[in-house]
Amino acid sequence: QTCALPILDRPDLGGREAILRVHAKNVKLADGVDLAVIARRTPGFSGADLANLINEAALLAARRNKKSVEMPELEEAIDRVMAGPERRTRGISDEEKKIVAFHESGHTIVGKMVDKSHSVHKVSIIPRGHAALGATWYLPNEEKFLASKSELLNRITALLGGRTAEELTFGDVTTGAGDDLNRATEIARAMICEYG
């Protein structure tokens, strides 16, 4: 006899906000904190990710000698959970910083032009985690469980915007688009192999 564990879906917007409230009960939040905004910024986060986010924000506030957790700590905690901690000590030349800036600008401009289901929320050229030299974060304009073919193609286009900006600006491309190409390939493969 085997016992199958139930598979839990990742929480929707309302579920994420409720989970954040549960984990924030033992954390002093500043008056301006809006957990609904944090829930909106965290599509795809699991309950464990959301618990980690609250813990990370509390640690950041403590390191900054704050008496309560404010929105900047929560926003930074999201970035840490998604992409890892900032690596400001990573020695990047001015030329590489310029390439990263144009690359992320490419994502931002192309994403704004073609992807109407998401809005650009934040752009950074600060290295994070093990490999990311920059990042562009998008927020879905609404909680959706289906994506149309055109929305998927628009996501691929936005992912390729960084590499395109490099090529147009510098006449060459770098390895900086490696993760973008992997993610675009995953979407394209799913469109063909899973969605038909």
Protein backbone atom coordinates (compact mmCIF):
# COMPACT_ATOMS: atom_id res chain seq x y z
CA GLN A 1 0.00 0.00 0.00
CA THR A 2 1.42 3.36 -1.00
CA CYS A 3 0.48 6.74 0.33
CA ALA A 4 0.50 9.45 -2.30
CA LEU A 5 1.07 12.95 -1.02
CA PRO A 6 -1.22 15.59 -2.51
CA ILE A 7 0.37 18.00 -4.95
CA LEU A 8 -0.38 21.58 -3.99
CA ASP A 9 -0.69 24.26 -6.62
CA ARG A 10 1.22 27.44 -6.05
CA PRO A 11 -1.05 29.99 -4.39
CA ASP A 12 -2.99 32.56 -6.40
CA LEU A 13 -2.93 36.29 -5.61
CA GLY A 14 -5.38 36.04 -2.69
CA GLY A 15 -3.60 32.98 -1.34
CA ARG A 16 -0.21 34.69 -1.50
CA GLU A 17 -1.52 37.70 0.41
CA ALA A 18 -3.05 35.44 3.07
CA ILE A 19 0.20 33.46 3.42
CA LEU A 20 2.19 36.68 3.71
CA ARG A 21 -0.14 37.88 6.49
CA VAL A 22 0.32 34.61 8.41
CA HIS A 23 4.11 34.79 8.22
CA ALA A 24 4.15 38.53 9.02
CA LYS A 25 2.19 38.08 12.29
CA ASN A 26 5.38 37.84 14.32
CA VAL A 27 7.17 40.61 12.41
CA LYS A 28 6.64 44.31 13.09
CA LEU A 29 5.61 45.93 9.81
CA ALA A 30 5.80 49.69 9.23
CA ASP A 31 2.57 51.60 8.67
CA GLY A 32 3.16 52.03 4.92
CA VAL A 33 3.60 48.32 4.19
CA ASP A 34 1.09 46.95 1.66
CA LEU A 35 1.19 43.15 1.52
CA ALA A 36 -1.24 43.24 -1.43
CA VAL A 37 1.51 44.88 -3.51
CA ILE A 38 4.01 42.27 -2.35
CA ALA A 39 1.55 39.49 -3.23
CA ARG A 40 1.13 41.00 -6.70
CA ARG A 41 4.92 41.02 -7.19
CA THR A 42 5.31 37.35 -6.29
CA PRO A 43 3.41 35.25 -8.87
CA GLY A 44 4.71 31.69 -8.87
CA PHE A 45 6.05 31.91 -5.31
CA SER A 46 5.33 28.91 -3.11
CA GLY A 47 4.32 29.19 0.55
CA ALA A 48 7.94 28.44 1.51
CA ASP A 49 9.18 31.21 -0.82
CA LEU A 50 6.78 33.67 0.84
CA ALA A 51 7.92 32.62 4.33
CA ASN A 52 11.52 33.07 3.21
CA LEU A 53 10.65 36.51 1.83
CA ILE A 54 9.27 37.70 5.20
CA ASN A 55 12.27 36.26 7.08
CA GLU A 56 14.70 37.85 4.63
CA ALA A 57 12.95 41.25 4.97
CA ALA A 58 13.11 41.01 8.78
CA LEU A 59 16.85 40.25 8.62
CA LEU A 60 17.44 43.19 6.28
CA ALA A 61 15.54 45.54 8.63
CA ALA A 62 17.54 44.26 11.62
CA ARG A 63 20.84 44.79 9.78
CA ARG A 64 19.74 48.35 9.03
CA ASN A 65 18.86 48.95 12.70
CA LYS A 66 15.21 49.57 11.87
CA LYS A 67 12.48 48.96 14.40
CA SER A 68 10.07 47.66 11.74
CA VAL A 69 10.09 46.17 8.26
CA GLU A 70 9.34 48.69 5.52
CA MET A 71 8.53 48.28 1.83
CA PRO A 72 12.18 48.65 0.68
CA GLU A 73 13.14 45.60 2.76
CA LEU A 74 10.24 43.58 1.38
CA GLU A 75 11.05 44.62 -2.19
CA GLU A 76 14.71 43.72 -1.73
CA ALA A 77 13.73 40.41 -0.11
CA ILE A 78 11.70 39.53 -3.24
CA ASP A 79 14.77 40.20 -5.39
CA ARG A 80 16.91 38.07 -3.06
CA VAL A 81 14.48 35.14 -3.16
CA MET A 82 14.16 35.37 -6.96
CA ALA A 83 17.75 36.10 -7.99
CA GLY A 84 20.01 35.84 -4.96
CA PRO A 85 21.78 38.53 -2.94
CA GLU A 86 23.47 41.54 -4.50
CA ARG A 87 27.13 41.00 -5.42
CA ARG A 88 28.40 44.59 -5.37
CA THR A 89 31.93 43.37 -4.79
CA ARG A 90 32.01 41.53 -8.13
CA GLY A 91 34.62 43.37 -10.18
CA ILE A 92 32.88 44.43 -13.38
CA SER A 93 34.62 46.78 -15.76
CA ASP A 94 32.96 50.00 -16.91
CA GLU A 95 32.64 48.51 -20.42
CA GLU A 96 30.80 45.46 -19.07
CA LYS A 97 28.53 47.70 -16.97
CA LYS A 98 27.68 49.61 -20.15
CA ILE A 99 26.85 46.37 -21.99
CA VAL A 100 24.66 45.17 -19.10
CA ALA A 101 22.88 48.54 -19.00
CA PHE A 102 22.08 48.41 -22.72
CA HIS A 103 21.08 44.75 -22.43
CA GLU A 104 18.58 45.45 -19.61
CA SER A 105 17.35 48.55 -21.46
CA GLY A 106 16.63 46.31 -24.43
CA HIS A 107 14.45 44.05 -22.28
CA THR A 108 12.68 47.10 -20.86
CA ILE A 109 11.94 48.83 -24.16
CA VAL A 110 10.93 45.70 -26.07
CA GLY A 111 8.90 44.41 -23.12
CA LYS A 112 7.04 47.70 -22.85
CA MET A 113 6.31 47.71 -26.58
CA VAL A 114 5.11 44.13 -27.06
CA ASP A 115 4.06 42.56 -23.76
CA LYS A 116 0.74 44.09 -22.72
CA SER A 117 0.07 41.37 -20.12
CA HIS A 118 3.06 42.44 -17.98
CA SER A 119 4.48 45.77 -16.86
CA VAL A 120 8.14 46.49 -16.25
CA HIS A 121 8.47 46.92 -12.50
CA LYS A 122 12.17 47.25 -11.85
CA VAL A 123 15.46 47.22 -13.75
CA SER A 124 18.84 46.65 -12.13
CA ILE A 125 22.42 46.45 -13.34
CA ILE A 126 23.66 45.28 -9.95
CA PRO A 127 25.02 41.71 -10.11
CA ARG A 128 22.99 39.13 -8.15
CA GLY A 129 23.43 35.50 -7.24
CA HIS A 130 25.97 33.37 -9.07
CA ALA A 131 25.62 34.58 -12.65
CA ALA A 132 23.15 37.46 -13.12
CA LEU A 133 24.88 40.74 -13.96
CA GLY A 134 21.57 42.58 -14.28
CA ALA A 135 17.84 41.92 -14.24
CA THR A 136 14.53 43.24 -15.45
CA TRP A 137 11.50 42.34 -13.35
CA TYR A 138 7.98 42.32 -14.73
CA LEU A 139 4.65 42.33 -12.90
CA PRO A 140 1.62 40.68 -14.43
CA ASN A 141 -1.16 43.22 -14.98
CA GLU A 142 -3.65 40.66 -13.70
CA GLU A 143 -3.58 37.17 -12.22
CA LYS A 144 -3.93 34.78 -15.16
CA PHE A 145 -3.87 31.03 -15.47
CA LEU A 146 -3.89 30.83 -19.26
CA ALA A 147 -1.58 32.43 -21.81
CA SER A 148 -2.42 32.97 -25.46
CA LYS A 149 -0.06 32.15 -28.29
CA SER A 150 0.53 35.86 -28.92
CA GLU A 151 1.34 36.46 -25.22
CA LEU A 152 3.90 33.63 -25.28
CA LEU A 153 5.48 35.01 -28.46
CA ASN A 154 5.60 38.46 -26.85
CA ARG A 155 7.42 37.00 -23.82
CA ILE A 156 9.97 35.40 -26.13
CA THR A 157 10.39 38.71 -27.95
CA ALA A 158 10.95 40.58 -24.66
CA LEU A 159 13.49 37.95 -23.57
CA LEU A 160 15.42 38.48 -26.81
CA GLY A 161 15.32 42.27 -26.46
CA GLY A 162 18.50 42.34 -24.38
CA ARG A 163 20.59 40.47 -26.91
CA THR A 164 19.14 42.56 -29.74
CA ALA A 165 20.09 45.78 -27.92
CA GLU A 166 23.66 44.49 -27.54
CA GLU A 167 23.90 43.67 -31.25
CA LEU A 168 22.38 46.97 -32.41
CA THR A 169 24.49 49.08 -30.03
CA PHE A 170 27.85 47.30 -30.07
CA GLY A 171 27.70 45.29 -33.31
CA ASP A 172 28.40 42.13 -31.31
CA VAL A 173 26.72 39.89 -28.73
CA THR A 174 27.94 38.50 -25.41
CA THR A 175 27.23 35.48 -23.25
CA GLY A 176 25.00 37.70 -21.10
CA ALA A 177 21.90 36.44 -22.89
CA GLY A 178 22.49 32.80 -21.89
CA ASP A 179 19.65 32.65 -19.35
CA ASP A 180 17.35 34.65 -21.66
CA LEU A 181 17.96 32.16 -24.48
CA ASN A 182 17.28 29.22 -22.16
CA ARG A 183 14.01 30.74 -20.97
CA ALA A 184 12.92 31.65 -24.52
CA THR A 185 13.74 28.11 -25.65
CA GLU A 186 11.70 26.65 -22.76
CA ILE A 187 8.68 28.71 -23.80
CA ALA A 188 9.10 27.78 -27.49
CA ARG A 189 9.54 24.10 -26.65
CA ALA A 190 6.43 24.14 -24.44
CA MET A 191 4.46 25.87 -27.21
CA ILE A 192 5.32 23.05 -29.62
CA CYS A 193 5.56 19.97 -27.40
CA GLU A 194 2.95 20.71 -24.73
CA TYR A 195 0.49 23.25 -26.07
CA GLY A 196 0.48 22.15 -29.71
